[in-house]
Amino acid sequence: MMSNEVLCLLDMATGREVCRFEGHTDKVTFVAFSPDGRYALSGSWDNTVRLWDVANRREVRCFDKHTGFVLCVTFAPDGRYILSASVDNTLRLWEVFYPPFCPSKAHPFPSLTRVQSNIELVNEQELYAKLFQKAEKALMQGVFSDAYACLRQAQRLPNYARDGKILQLLSYCGQKGRRKKYIRDSWCIYRLETTDWVLSVTFSPNRRYVLTAGADGTLHLWDIASGQEMHRFNEHTDLVTSVAFSSDGNSVLSGSYDSTLILWNVANRRGIRHFKGHSDKVWSVAISPDGRFALSASEDRTVRIWNIATGCEIHRLEGHVGEVLSAVFSPDGRYALSGSKDKTLWLWNVTSGRKVHQFEGHTGAVLSVTFSPDGRYALSGGADKIIRMWDTVSAREIRQFEGHTEHVHSVVFSPDGRYVLSGSGDNTIRLWDIASGQQIHCLVGHTDWVYSAVFSLDGHYVCSGSGDRTIRVWFLDWDYDFPAPADWDEGARPYLDIFLTLHTPYGPDGLRRVGKPQWTEEDFQKLLQELGYRGYGWLRPAGVRRELEKMTKERS
């Protein structure tokens, strides 16, 4: 049964409603069951066709290439394909790819074809195979610009706009190039449903999982490849406001309205350690880059630094005159940044526990704060609907990003530090160019406040959590250019500085780092990978190694 934009599943024996399927934004015109009865299909005036998992009561696919109302949908007898008809005068055939499916087919949502002859289809497949082989050969030769050009040419073929194999190689090429301001395309891969508001989301370091938490008091771990929930973590006794992964992905930290933090073991889903000391709600938590310390911000107007190994409080950072709503560590772990309802941000020295700077300018509560990947800048979003960027050395405001029409609940830099992602009470996720301060993209789909939005480490995925009780995973198809390979670029220096700081041993007090940095070949390979995420994958490894060894000697 259809009721405007909502599908209702009824029990034929009793006539009672079993469940509802919500997601369309306009009237539903047609519905159909898959041959095995496990999935439902719907077409709508919102120009989309949507596939629903009947047992789990959630949307698993959205097919969005029609430019007019969808009038009719149907399954093929084997359930592998669906057919849709629209007032845009097209009839479209789609391949479904039911979950779970291979990661290489993670983005199979363009229509396979309109009406084409067999000869045309064969020619396209042959051209695709040739272009893909050329791209693979260019990659093996290290000519990433040529590989990229071949992949883009293959992507322009009618049936391959979101081909999983192409996107996988494009992502790899991107780590050897430099992200441009232009996003070619974006789409929602998954719309995952929960039972209550989603207040915090984060990717695992290996990008295989998404961790979410919210008003149901539970942490949920989701598998990105299948869109399936893998685990639940249940020990908090109230809303969970914030979650964070450790850098190795083995541990998770959460903060809650129950005034506690819990450190969890991801593998066995058990709480390893409870951190108690706050006298009111914990709004934000973070783990230091080396996994040694935890950070928390609370309604009790304090920021606290904890020893993760012992659970003991190291510093209680006091001074805010309002509830502290957000806190993060700097990329090198030497500083902490906090944002408060008192409209200010404070920068703290982690070793001494003393305030370094106070940032003033917001006219409402500061709801979210973060550092740029190189640590040179801070970012804040607030109740005044404005995003502000600050110089962490001078505490001077250097940029504003305006456009949201409600509170800005979440802000984060892109992995290369050139863009800003924000989530707002206006139900949107927006992407901004730092150089110009202009909005360059907007992700629309949530129907309530967006409380949290984050990038994956490679910058191709975005995860968002909302008051509409859904988590959405989006794919961003960035455009790239490819600088000529070089031995060194000064723009990469901050990342080597951070690397050396994190590989300098701690002194006897366990807080100050002393002595010569110590790193292994494995550590160096991880640095090269990180430089790829930061937009410096085109630097020659030998040149990076020479500069790193030189900087290591200077610190001795």
Protein backbone atom coordinates (compact mmCIF):
# COMPACT_ATOMS: atom_id res chain seq x y z
CA MET A 1 0.00 0.00 0.00
CA MET A 2 1.22 3.53 -0.79
CA SER A 3 0.53 6.66 1.22
CA ASN A 4 2.01 9.70 -0.55
CA GLU A 5 5.82 9.20 -0.23
CA VAL A 6 5.55 6.29 2.26
CA LEU A 7 5.20 2.56 1.49
CA CYS A 8 3.18 0.47 3.97
CA LEU A 9 3.50 -3.32 4.23
CA LEU A 10 0.22 -4.97 5.31
CA ASP A 11 -0.52 -8.45 6.66
CA MET A 12 -3.09 -9.98 4.29
CA ALA A 13 -4.64 -12.15 7.02
CA THR A 14 -5.26 -9.40 9.53
CA GLY A 15 -5.15 -6.27 7.41
CA ARG A 16 -2.78 -4.71 9.93
CA GLU A 17 0.24 -2.62 9.04
CA VAL A 18 3.50 -4.54 9.50
CA CYS A 19 6.00 -1.77 8.76
CA ARG A 20 6.67 1.35 6.74
CA PHE A 21 9.37 2.22 4.24
CA GLU A 22 10.34 5.90 4.25
CA GLY A 23 12.80 7.67 1.98
CA HIS A 24 10.97 8.99 -1.07
CA THR A 25 10.46 12.75 -1.06
CA ASP A 26 7.34 12.79 -3.24
CA LYS A 27 4.38 10.58 -4.13
CA VAL A 28 5.04 6.90 -4.82
CA THR A 29 3.47 5.82 -8.10
CA PHE A 30 4.22 2.11 -8.40
CA VAL A 31 5.50 -0.81 -6.30
CA ALA A 32 6.57 -4.39 -6.99
CA PHE A 33 7.99 -7.39 -5.12
CA SER A 34 11.11 -9.28 -6.26
CA PRO A 35 10.47 -12.85 -7.46
CA ASP A 36 11.70 -14.29 -4.13
CA GLY A 37 9.68 -11.80 -2.07
CA ARG A 38 12.73 -10.55 -0.17
CA TYR A 39 12.86 -7.11 -1.79
CA ALA A 40 10.38 -4.43 -2.77
CA LEU A 41 10.75 -1.89 -5.55
CA SER A 42 9.12 1.54 -5.76
CA GLY A 43 8.94 4.38 -8.27
CA SER A 44 8.12 7.96 -7.36
CA TRP A 45 7.43 11.49 -8.45
CA ASP A 46 10.83 12.33 -6.91
CA ASN A 47 12.33 10.84 -10.14
CA THR A 48 13.91 7.87 -8.31
CA VAL A 49 13.50 4.12 -8.17
CA ARG A 50 14.27 2.59 -4.77
CA LEU A 51 14.99 -0.97 -3.67
CA TRP A 52 13.97 -2.03 -0.15
CA ASP A 53 15.02 -4.98 2.04
CA VAL A 54 11.68 -6.25 3.35
CA ALA A 55 13.05 -8.18 6.37
CA ASN A 56 15.33 -5.38 7.56
CA ARG A 57 12.89 -2.64 6.54
CA ARG A 58 15.54 -0.41 5.00
CA GLU A 59 16.45 1.12 1.66
CA VAL A 60 19.41 -0.63 0.03
CA ARG A 61 19.56 1.02 -3.40
CA CYS A 62 18.50 4.28 -5.01
CA PHE A 63 18.48 4.55 -8.81
CA ASP A 64 18.41 8.24 -9.69
CA LYS A 65 19.08 8.85 -13.39
CA HIS A 66 15.52 9.62 -14.48
CA THR A 67 14.81 13.32 -15.04
CA GLY A 68 11.04 13.04 -14.65
CA PHE A 69 8.36 11.20 -12.65
CA VAL A 70 8.76 7.41 -12.54
CA LEU A 71 5.47 5.85 -13.65
CA CYS A 72 6.13 2.11 -13.53
CA VAL A 73 8.72 -0.37 -12.22
CA THR A 74 9.10 -4.13 -12.52
CA PHE A 75 11.57 -6.98 -11.88
CA ALA A 76 12.92 -9.37 -14.48
CA PRO A 77 11.80 -12.98 -13.87
CA ASP A 78 15.22 -13.89 -12.42
CA GLY A 79 15.28 -10.75 -10.24
CA ARG A 80 18.67 -9.68 -11.56
CA TYR A 81 17.40 -6.67 -13.50
CA ILE A 82 14.71 -4.07 -13.05
CA LEU A 83 12.93 -1.96 -15.63
CA SER A 84 11.54 1.54 -15.07
CA ALA A 85 9.43 3.89 -17.20
CA SER A 86 9.27 7.64 -16.77
CA VAL A 87 7.64 10.80 -18.10
CA ASP A 88 11.15 11.76 -19.30
CA ASN A 89 10.27 9.50 -22.27
CA THR A 90 12.84 6.85 -21.36
CA LEU A 91 12.65 3.20 -20.44
CA ARG A 92 15.67 2.22 -18.34
CA LEU A 93 17.18 -1.17 -17.56
CA TRP A 94 19.20 -1.49 -14.34
CA GLU A 95 21.33 -4.25 -12.86
CA VAL A 96 20.53 -4.64 -9.17
CA PHE A 97 23.56 -6.17 -7.36
CA TYR A 98 21.81 -7.31 -4.20
CA PRO A 99 23.69 -7.02 -0.88
CA PRO A 100 26.07 -8.39 0.16
CA PHE A 101 28.16 -7.76 -2.95
CA CYS A 102 31.81 -7.48 -3.94
CA PRO A 103 33.51 -4.18 -2.98
CA SER A 104 34.60 -3.81 -6.58
CA LYS A 105 30.90 -3.37 -7.38
CA ALA A 106 30.28 -0.87 -4.61
CA HIS A 107 28.83 1.82 -6.86
CA PRO A 108 26.55 0.08 -9.42
CA PHE A 109 23.71 2.59 -9.60
CA PRO A 110 23.62 4.14 -13.09
CA SER A 111 21.12 2.71 -15.51
CA LEU A 112 22.73 -0.05 -17.56
CA THR A 113 21.24 1.22 -20.75
CA ARG A 114 18.35 2.75 -22.50
CA VAL A 115 17.41 0.99 -25.73
CA GLN A 116 20.58 -0.13 -27.55
CA SER A 117 21.34 -2.74 -30.16
CA ASN A 118 23.44 -5.78 -29.33
CA ILE A 119 26.17 -4.47 -31.66
CA GLU A 120 26.36 -1.18 -29.76
CA LEU A 121 26.61 -2.99 -26.43
CA VAL A 122 29.40 -5.28 -27.65
CA ASN A 123 31.35 -2.34 -29.05
CA GLU A 124 31.07 -0.50 -25.73
CA GLN A 125 32.24 -3.55 -23.79
CA GLU A 126 35.23 -4.00 -26.08
CA LEU A 127 36.18 -0.32 -25.80
CA TYR A 128 35.83 -0.48 -22.02
CA ALA A 129 38.12 -3.52 -21.86
CA LYS A 130 40.77 -1.82 -24.04
CA LEU A 131 40.72 1.41 -22.03
CA PHE A 132 40.87 -0.45 -18.74
CA GLN A 133 43.86 -2.49 -19.90
CA LYS A 134 45.65 0.68 -21.03
CA ALA A 135 44.97 2.23 -17.62
CA GLU A 136 46.36 -0.81 -15.79
CA LYS A 137 49.49 -0.77 -17.97
CA ALA A 138 50.04 2.94 -17.31
CA LEU A 139 49.67 2.33 -13.58
CA MET A 140 52.30 -0.41 -13.66
CA GLN A 141 54.63 2.03 -15.45
CA GLY A 142 53.91 4.75 -12.89
CA VAL A 143 52.38 7.12 -15.45
CA PHE A 144 49.37 8.06 -13.36
CA SER A 145 48.16 10.94 -15.53
CA ASP A 146 47.82 8.58 -18.53
CA ALA A 147 46.03 5.97 -16.42
CA TYR A 148 43.68 8.63 -15.13
CA ALA A 149 42.87 9.87 -18.64
CA CYS A 150 42.05 6.31 -19.82
CA LEU A 151 39.81 5.69 -16.82
CA ARG A 152 37.92 8.92 -17.36
CA GLN A 153 37.43 8.02 -21.01
CA ALA A 154 36.06 4.61 -20.01
CA GLN A 155 33.82 6.26 -17.43
CA ARG A 156 32.20 8.38 -20.14
CA LEU A 157 30.85 5.27 -21.85
CA PRO A 158 27.04 5.07 -21.35
CA ASN A 159 27.06 2.13 -18.95
CA TYR A 160 30.16 2.84 -16.86
CA ALA A 161 29.68 6.18 -15.07
CA ARG A 162 29.85 4.50 -11.64
CA ASP A 163 31.61 1.26 -12.50
CA GLY A 164 33.23 -0.18 -9.38
CA LYS A 165 36.51 -1.18 -11.06
CA ILE A 166 36.95 2.27 -12.58
CA LEU A 167 36.23 4.04 -9.30
CA GLN A 168 38.65 1.81 -7.42
CA LEU A 169 41.51 2.68 -9.75
CA LEU A 170 40.54 6.36 -9.87
CA SER A 171 40.81 6.44 -6.07
CA TYR A 172 44.29 4.92 -6.29
CA CYS A 173 45.34 7.42 -8.96
CA GLY A 174 44.07 10.21 -6.74
CA GLN A 175 46.69 9.34 -4.11
CA LYS A 176 49.38 10.12 -6.68
CA GLY A 177 47.82 13.40 -7.78
CA ARG A 178 46.34 16.56 -6.35
CA ARG A 179 42.64 17.06 -5.71
CA LYS A 180 41.00 19.83 -7.74
CA LYS A 181 38.12 22.04 -6.69
CA TYR A 182 35.73 20.36 -9.10
CA ILE A 183 33.69 17.31 -8.00
CA ARG A 184 32.47 15.43 -11.06
CA ASP A 185 29.71 13.53 -9.30
CA SER A 186 28.46 12.42 -5.89
CA TRP A 187 25.88 9.93 -4.74
CA CYS A 188 24.56 8.17 -1.67
CA ILE A 189 25.78 4.58 -1.50
CA TYR A 190 23.85 3.54 1.59
CA ARG A 191 21.03 4.82 3.70
CA LEU A 192 21.23 2.89 6.97
CA GLU A 193 18.38 3.09 9.46
CA THR A 194 18.57 3.19 13.25
CA THR A 195 15.98 3.52 15.99
CA ASP A 196 16.88 7.02 17.18
CA TRP A 197 18.87 10.19 16.45
CA VAL A 198 22.41 9.61 15.18
CA LEU A 199 24.72 12.02 17.01
CA SER A 200 28.23 10.86 16.02
CA VAL A 201 29.80 8.95 13.11
CA THR A 202 33.38 8.03 12.20
CA PHE A 203 35.25 5.83 9.72
CA SER A 204 37.71 3.15 10.79
CA PRO A 205 41.29 3.94 9.69
CA ASN A 206 41.17 1.20 7.03
CA ARG A 207 37.82 2.57 5.73
CA ARG A 208 36.20 -0.86 6.02
CA TYR A 209 33.80 0.16 8.76
CA VAL A 210 31.66 3.02 9.98
CA LEU A 211 31.03 3.48 13.69
CA THR A 212 27.90 5.35 14.77
CA ALA A 213 26.21 6.27 18.03
CA GLY A 214 23.30 8.31 19.25
CA ALA A 215 20.19 8.65 21.33
CA ASP A 216 19.63 4.88 21.62
CA GLY A 217 22.67 4.66 23.95
CA THR A 218 24.37 2.09 21.69
CA LEU A 219 27.41 2.07 19.41
CA HIS A 220 26.84 0.42 16.01
CA LEU A 221 29.62 -0.90 13.75
CA TRP A 222 28.68 -1.16 10.06
CA ASP A 223 30.47 -2.90 7.19
CA ILE A 224 30.85 -0.49 4.26
CA ALA A 225 31.08 -3.16 1.57
CA SER A 226 27.73 -4.74 2.42
CA GLY A 227 25.94 -2.03 4.36
CA GLN A 228 25.25 -4.55 7.11
CA GLU A 229 25.48 -3.92 10.85
CA MET A 230 28.34 -6.01 12.23
CA HIS A 231 28.37 -5.38 15.98
CA ARG A 232 26.73 -3.45 18.79
CA PHE A 233 28.41 -2.09 21.91
CA ASN A 234 26.12 -1.82 24.92
CA GLU A 235 27.35 -0.57 28.30
CA HIS A 236 26.39 3.09 28.47
CA THR A 237 23.22 3.91 30.37
CA ASP A 238 22.21 7.03 28.44
CA LEU A 239 22.66 8.79 25.08
CA VAL A 240 26.06 8.33 23.41
CA THR A 241 27.18 11.71 22.10
CA SER A 242 30.62 11.04 20.59
CA VAL A 243 32.74 8.17 19.24
CA ALA A 244 36.35 7.95 18.03
CA PHE A 245 38.61 5.22 16.62
CA SER A 246 42.21 4.77 17.73
CA SER A 247 44.75 5.25 14.93
CA ASP A 248 45.35 1.47 14.67
CA GLY A 249 41.61 0.75 14.50
CA ASN A 250 41.74 -1.76 17.36
CA SER A 251 40.01 0.42 19.96
CA VAL A 252 37.05 2.76 20.15
CA LEU A 253 36.30 5.52 22.65
CA SER A 254 32.80 6.78 23.45
CA GLY A 255 31.32 9.51 25.62
CA SER A 256 27.82 9.69 27.03
CA TYR A 257 25.14 11.58 28.90
CA ASP A 258 25.88 9.13 31.73
CA SER A 259 29.04 11.24 32.44
CA THR A 260 31.48 8.46 31.53
CA LEU A 261 33.87 7.51 28.76
CA ILE A 262 34.31 3.89 27.72
CA LEU A 263 37.25 2.41 25.82
CA TRP A 264 36.18 -0.64 23.79
CA ASN A 265 38.00 -3.53 22.17
CA VAL A 266 36.65 -3.69 18.62
CA ALA A 267 37.35 -7.40 18.16
CA ASN A 268 35.44 -8.69 21.18
CA ARG A 269 33.03 -5.73 21.58
CA ARG A 270 33.78 -5.43 25.27
CA GLY A 271 34.50 -2.38 27.35
CA ILE A 272 38.18 -2.38 28.30
CA ARG A 273 38.11 0.61 30.60
CA HIS A 274 35.64 3.11 32.07
CA PHE A 275 36.76 6.69 32.70
CA LYS A 276 34.87 8.35 35.54
CA GLY A 277 35.29 11.87 36.92
CA HIS A 278 33.01 14.21 34.99
CA SER A 279 30.03 15.44 37.01
CA ASP A 280 27.76 15.97 33.99
CA LYS A 281 27.19 14.91 30.39
CA VAL A 282 30.20 14.15 28.19
CA TRP A 283 29.71 15.89 24.84
CA SER A 284 32.88 15.02 22.95
CA VAL A 285 35.77 12.52 23.06
CA ALA A 286 39.01 12.01 21.14
CA ILE A 287 42.04 9.71 21.17
CA SER A 288 45.53 11.16 20.73
CA PRO A 289 47.32 10.25 17.46
CA ASP A 290 49.70 7.89 19.30
CA GLY A 291 46.84 6.23 21.22
CA ARG A 292 48.34 7.19 24.58
CA PHE A 293 45.78 9.74 25.82
CA ALA A 294 42.04 10.34 25.77
CA LEU A 295 40.33 13.72 25.69
CA SER A 296 36.83 14.62 26.84
CA ALA A 297 34.64 17.73 26.93
CA SER A 298 31.71 18.00 29.30
CA GLU A 299 28.65 19.87 30.43
CA ASP A 300 30.54 20.38 33.72
CA ARG A 301 32.58 23.06 31.87
CA THR A 302 35.85 21.12 31.96
CA VAL A 303 38.09 19.42 29.43
CA ARG A 304 39.96 16.40 30.76
CA ILE A 305 42.99 14.49 29.55
CA TRP A 306 43.24 10.83 30.57
CA ASN A 307 45.89 8.13 30.49
CA ILE A 308 44.35 5.43 28.31
CA ALA A 309 46.47 2.63 29.79
CA THR A 310 45.47 3.34 33.40
CA GLY A 311 42.22 5.28 33.12
CA CYS A 312 43.65 7.98 35.39
CA GLU A 313 42.98 11.67 34.87
CA ILE A 314 46.17 13.55 33.92
CA HIS A 315 44.90 17.10 33.52
CA ARG A 316 41.66 18.90 34.26
CA LEU A 317 41.51 21.92 31.95
CA GLU A 318 39.34 24.61 33.47
CA GLY A 319 38.47 28.13 32.36
CA HIS A 320 35.45 27.94 30.06
CA VAL A 321 32.41 29.65 31.60
CA GLY A 322 29.95 27.55 29.63
CA GLU A 323 29.42 23.90 28.80
CA VAL A 324 32.28 22.49 26.68
CA LEU A 325 30.70 20.91 23.60
CA SER A 326 33.65 19.79 21.46
CA ALA A 327 37.34 18.89 21.89
CA VAL A 328 40.07 17.44 19.66
CA PHE A 329 43.81 16.68 19.70
CA SER A 330 46.19 18.36 17.26
CA PRO A 331 47.72 16.05 14.60
CA ASP A 332 51.00 15.82 16.54
CA GLY A 333 49.22 15.32 19.88
CA ARG A 334 50.93 18.31 21.53
CA TYR A 335 47.82 20.47 21.79
CA ALA A 336 44.09 20.17 22.45
CA LEU A 337 41.36 22.46 21.15
CA SER A 338 38.00 22.99 22.85
CA GLY A 339 34.80 24.80 21.89
CA SER A 340 32.19 25.96 24.35
CA LYS A 341 28.72 27.34 24.86
CA ASP A 342 30.53 30.49 26.10
CA LYS A 343 31.17 31.29 22.37
CA THR A 344 34.96 30.76 22.57
CA LEU A 345 37.61 28.24 21.52
CA TRP A 346 40.62 27.53 23.74
CA LEU A 347 43.94 26.02 22.69
CA TRP A 348 45.67 23.99 25.43
CA ASN A 349 49.18 22.59 25.87
CA VAL A 350 48.73 18.87 26.55
CA THR A 351 52.00 18.52 28.47
CA SER A 352 51.45 21.37 30.92
CA GLY A 353 47.66 21.55 30.86
CA ARG A 354 47.85 25.33 30.41
CA LYS A 355 45.89 27.54 28.03
CA VAL A 356 47.89 28.79 25.04
CA HIS A 357 45.30 30.87 23.16
CA GLN A 358 41.67 31.95 23.33
CA PHE A 359 39.78 32.45 20.05
CA GLU A 360 36.88 34.90 20.05
CA GLY A 361 34.46 35.83 17.28
CA HIS A 362 31.46 33.50 17.40
CA THR A 363 28.18 35.08 18.50
CA GLY A 364 26.66 31.79 19.63
CA ALA A 365 27.72 28.49 21.15
CA VAL A 366 30.68 26.75 19.50
CA LEU A 367 29.35 23.29 18.61
CA SER A 368 32.25 21.70 16.74
CA VAL A 369 36.03 22.23 16.48
CA THR A 370 38.85 20.56 14.57
CA PHE A 371 42.46 21.00 13.41
CA SER A 372 43.73 21.06 9.84
CA PRO A 373 45.80 17.97 8.92
CA ASP A 374 49.04 19.99 9.18
CA GLY A 375 48.00 21.55 12.52
CA ARG A 376 48.42 25.13 11.28
CA TYR A 377 44.73 26.00 11.34
CA ALA A 378 41.68 25.43 13.51
CA LEU A 379 38.08 25.28 12.35
CA SER A 380 34.89 25.92 14.30
CA GLY A 381 31.17 25.77 13.62
CA GLY A 382 28.47 27.16 15.83
CA ALA A 383 24.97 28.23 16.65
CA ASP A 384 25.58 31.48 14.75
CA LYS A 385 25.43 29.41 11.51
CA ILE A 386 28.97 30.45 10.56
CA ILE A 387 32.10 28.35 10.06
CA ARG A 388 35.30 30.13 11.06
CA MET A 389 38.92 29.26 10.31
CA TRP A 390 41.70 30.38 12.65
CA ASP A 391 45.50 30.59 12.63
CA THR A 392 46.64 28.44 15.57
CA VAL A 393 49.84 30.46 16.11
CA SER A 394 48.34 33.96 16.19
CA ALA A 395 44.77 33.01 17.21
CA ARG A 396 43.60 35.29 14.38
CA GLU A 397 40.45 34.54 12.39
CA ILE A 398 41.38 34.26 8.72
CA ARG A 399 38.26 33.01 6.95
CA GLN A 400 34.48 32.67 7.31
CA PHE A 401 32.25 30.24 5.43
CA GLU A 402 28.65 31.40 5.24
CA GLY A 403 25.63 29.70 3.68
CA HIS A 404 24.09 27.38 6.25
CA THR A 405 20.68 28.52 7.45
CA GLU A 406 20.77 26.70 10.81
CA HIS A 407 23.30 25.71 13.50
CA VAL A 408 26.53 24.15 12.23
CA HIS A 409 26.92 20.95 14.25
CA SER A 410 29.92 19.37 12.55
CA VAL A 411 33.06 20.65 10.82
CA VAL A 412 36.10 18.80 9.47
CA PHE A 413 38.93 19.40 7.00
CA SER A 414 39.43 17.20 3.94
CA PRO A 415 42.48 14.88 4.23
CA ASP A 416 44.56 17.25 2.07
CA GLY A 417 43.50 20.27 4.14
CA ARG A 418 42.20 22.20 1.13
CA TYR A 419 38.47 21.80 1.73
CA VAL A 420 35.98 21.93 4.60
CA LEU A 421 33.02 19.63 5.21
CA SER A 422 30.13 20.77 7.39
CA GLY A 423 26.88 19.33 8.68
CA SER A 424 24.01 21.52 9.80
CA GLY A 425 20.55 21.84 11.27
CA ASP A 426 19.40 22.85 7.78
CA ASN A 427 19.62 19.11 6.91
CA THR A 428 22.51 19.59 4.47
CA ILE A 429 26.17 18.60 4.23
CA ARG A 430 28.24 21.23 2.46
CA LEU A 431 31.72 21.27 0.99
CA TRP A 432 33.73 24.48 0.94
CA ASP A 433 36.89 25.63 -0.81
CA ILE A 434 39.34 27.05 1.75
CA ALA A 435 41.17 29.32 -0.68
CA SER A 436 38.04 31.20 -1.75
CA GLY A 437 35.67 30.52 1.14
CA GLN A 438 33.02 29.48 -1.39
CA GLN A 439 30.70 26.47 -1.26
CA ILE A 440 31.54 24.03 -4.05
CA HIS A 441 29.15 21.15 -3.36
CA CYS A 442 26.11 20.21 -1.30
CA LEU A 443 24.89 16.73 -0.30
CA VAL A 444 21.12 16.65 0.14
CA GLY A 445 18.94 13.80 1.37
CA HIS A 446 18.62 13.96 5.14
CA THR A 447 15.23 15.11 6.41
CA ASP A 448 16.38 16.34 9.84
CA TRP A 449 19.41 17.97 11.46
CA VAL A 450 22.81 16.61 10.44
CA TYR A 451 24.73 16.18 13.71
CA SER A 452 27.91 14.61 12.38
CA ALA A 453 29.72 14.38 9.02
CA VAL A 454 33.22 13.02 8.38
CA PHE A 455 35.61 12.13 5.56
CA SER A 456 37.24 8.77 5.05
CA LEU A 457 41.05 8.87 5.14
CA ASP A 458 41.29 8.93 1.33
CA GLY A 459 38.67 11.67 1.01
CA HIS A 460 36.44 9.74 -1.40
CA TYR A 461 33.76 8.81 1.12
CA VAL A 462 31.64 10.91 3.47
CA CYS A 463 29.55 9.51 6.31
CA SER A 464 26.76 11.53 7.93
CA GLY A 465 24.45 10.98 10.88
CA SER A 466 21.15 12.76 11.39
CA GLY A 467 18.14 13.33 13.57
CA ASP A 468 16.13 11.56 10.85
CA ARG A 469 17.47 8.31 12.38
CA THR A 470 19.62 7.45 9.36
CA ILE A 471 23.29 7.14 8.53
CA ARG A 472 24.26 7.89 4.97
CA VAL A 473 27.49 6.94 3.20
CA TRP A 474 28.28 9.08 0.16
CA PHE A 475 30.85 8.76 -2.61
CA LEU A 476 32.64 11.85 -3.97
CA ASP A 477 34.09 11.51 -7.46
CA TRP A 478 36.82 14.17 -7.29
CA ASP A 479 38.74 15.51 -10.25
CA TYR A 480 42.57 15.48 -10.09
CA ASP A 481 45.63 16.92 -11.73
CA PHE A 482 49.06 15.32 -11.65
CA PRO A 483 52.15 17.44 -10.93
CA ALA A 484 55.42 16.22 -12.40
CA PRO A 485 57.27 13.90 -9.97
CA ALA A 486 59.65 15.80 -7.70
CA ASP A 487 62.08 15.01 -4.89
CA TRP A 488 60.62 17.51 -2.48
CA ASP A 489 58.02 20.20 -1.88
CA GLU A 490 58.03 22.49 1.16
CA GLY A 491 54.28 22.07 1.54
CA ALA A 492 54.95 18.53 2.81
CA ARG A 493 57.27 19.67 5.61
CA PRO A 494 54.56 19.98 8.31
CA TYR A 495 53.64 16.32 7.79
CA LEU A 496 57.24 15.20 8.27
CA ASP A 497 57.43 17.37 11.40
CA ILE A 498 54.32 15.66 12.76
CA PHE A 499 55.74 12.25 11.87
CA LEU A 500 59.00 12.93 13.73
CA THR A 501 57.19 14.28 16.78
CA LEU A 502 55.03 11.17 17.00
CA HIS A 503 58.14 8.97 16.69
CA THR A 504 60.10 10.74 19.43
CA PRO A 505 60.16 8.76 22.71
CA TYR A 506 58.50 10.03 25.88
CA GLY A 507 60.61 11.10 28.82
CA PRO A 508 60.31 9.77 32.38
CA ASP A 509 57.22 11.87 33.15
CA GLY A 510 55.30 10.19 30.33
CA LEU A 511 54.20 13.58 28.92
CA ARG A 512 57.25 15.25 27.37
CA ARG A 513 58.98 13.82 24.33
CA VAL A 514 62.78 13.75 24.51
CA GLY A 515 65.65 12.40 22.43
CA LYS A 516 66.09 11.39 18.81
CA PRO A 517 63.11 10.34 16.65
CA GLN A 518 63.05 6.59 16.01
CA TRP A 519 61.31 5.17 12.96
CA THR A 520 61.38 1.98 10.92
CA GLU A 521 60.98 1.18 7.23
CA GLU A 522 57.38 0.18 7.93
CA ASP A 523 56.81 3.58 9.53
CA PHE A 524 58.32 5.28 6.46
CA GLN A 525 55.99 3.39 4.10
CA LYS A 526 53.02 4.55 6.18
CA LEU A 527 54.31 8.10 5.89
CA LEU A 528 54.40 7.82 2.09
CA GLN A 529 50.81 6.58 2.12
CA GLU A 530 49.78 9.49 4.32
CA LEU A 531 51.50 11.96 2.00
CA GLY A 532 49.32 10.52 -0.76
CA TYR A 533 46.21 11.34 1.26
CA ARG A 534 47.59 14.83 1.94
CA GLY A 535 48.06 15.61 -1.75
CA TYR A 536 51.79 14.86 -2.02
CA GLY A 537 51.77 11.36 -3.50
CA TRP A 538 53.72 12.66 -6.50
CA LEU A 539 56.87 13.16 -4.40
CA ARG A 540 59.59 10.60 -5.08
CA PRO A 541 60.16 8.28 -2.09
CA ALA A 542 63.95 8.75 -2.30
CA GLY A 543 63.57 12.52 -2.02
CA VAL A 544 61.20 12.22 0.94
CA ARG A 545 63.60 9.83 2.66
CA ARG A 546 66.54 12.22 2.27
CA GLU A 547 64.56 15.12 3.71
CA LEU A 548 63.28 12.96 6.59
CA GLU A 549 66.78 11.76 7.46
CA LYS A 550 68.03 15.35 7.37
CA MET A 551 65.23 16.52 9.70
CA THR A 552 65.87 13.57 12.01
CA LYS A 553 69.53 14.59 12.42
CA GLU A 554 68.49 18.19 13.13
CA ARG A 555 66.34 16.96 16.02
CA SER A 556 69.08 14.83 17.57
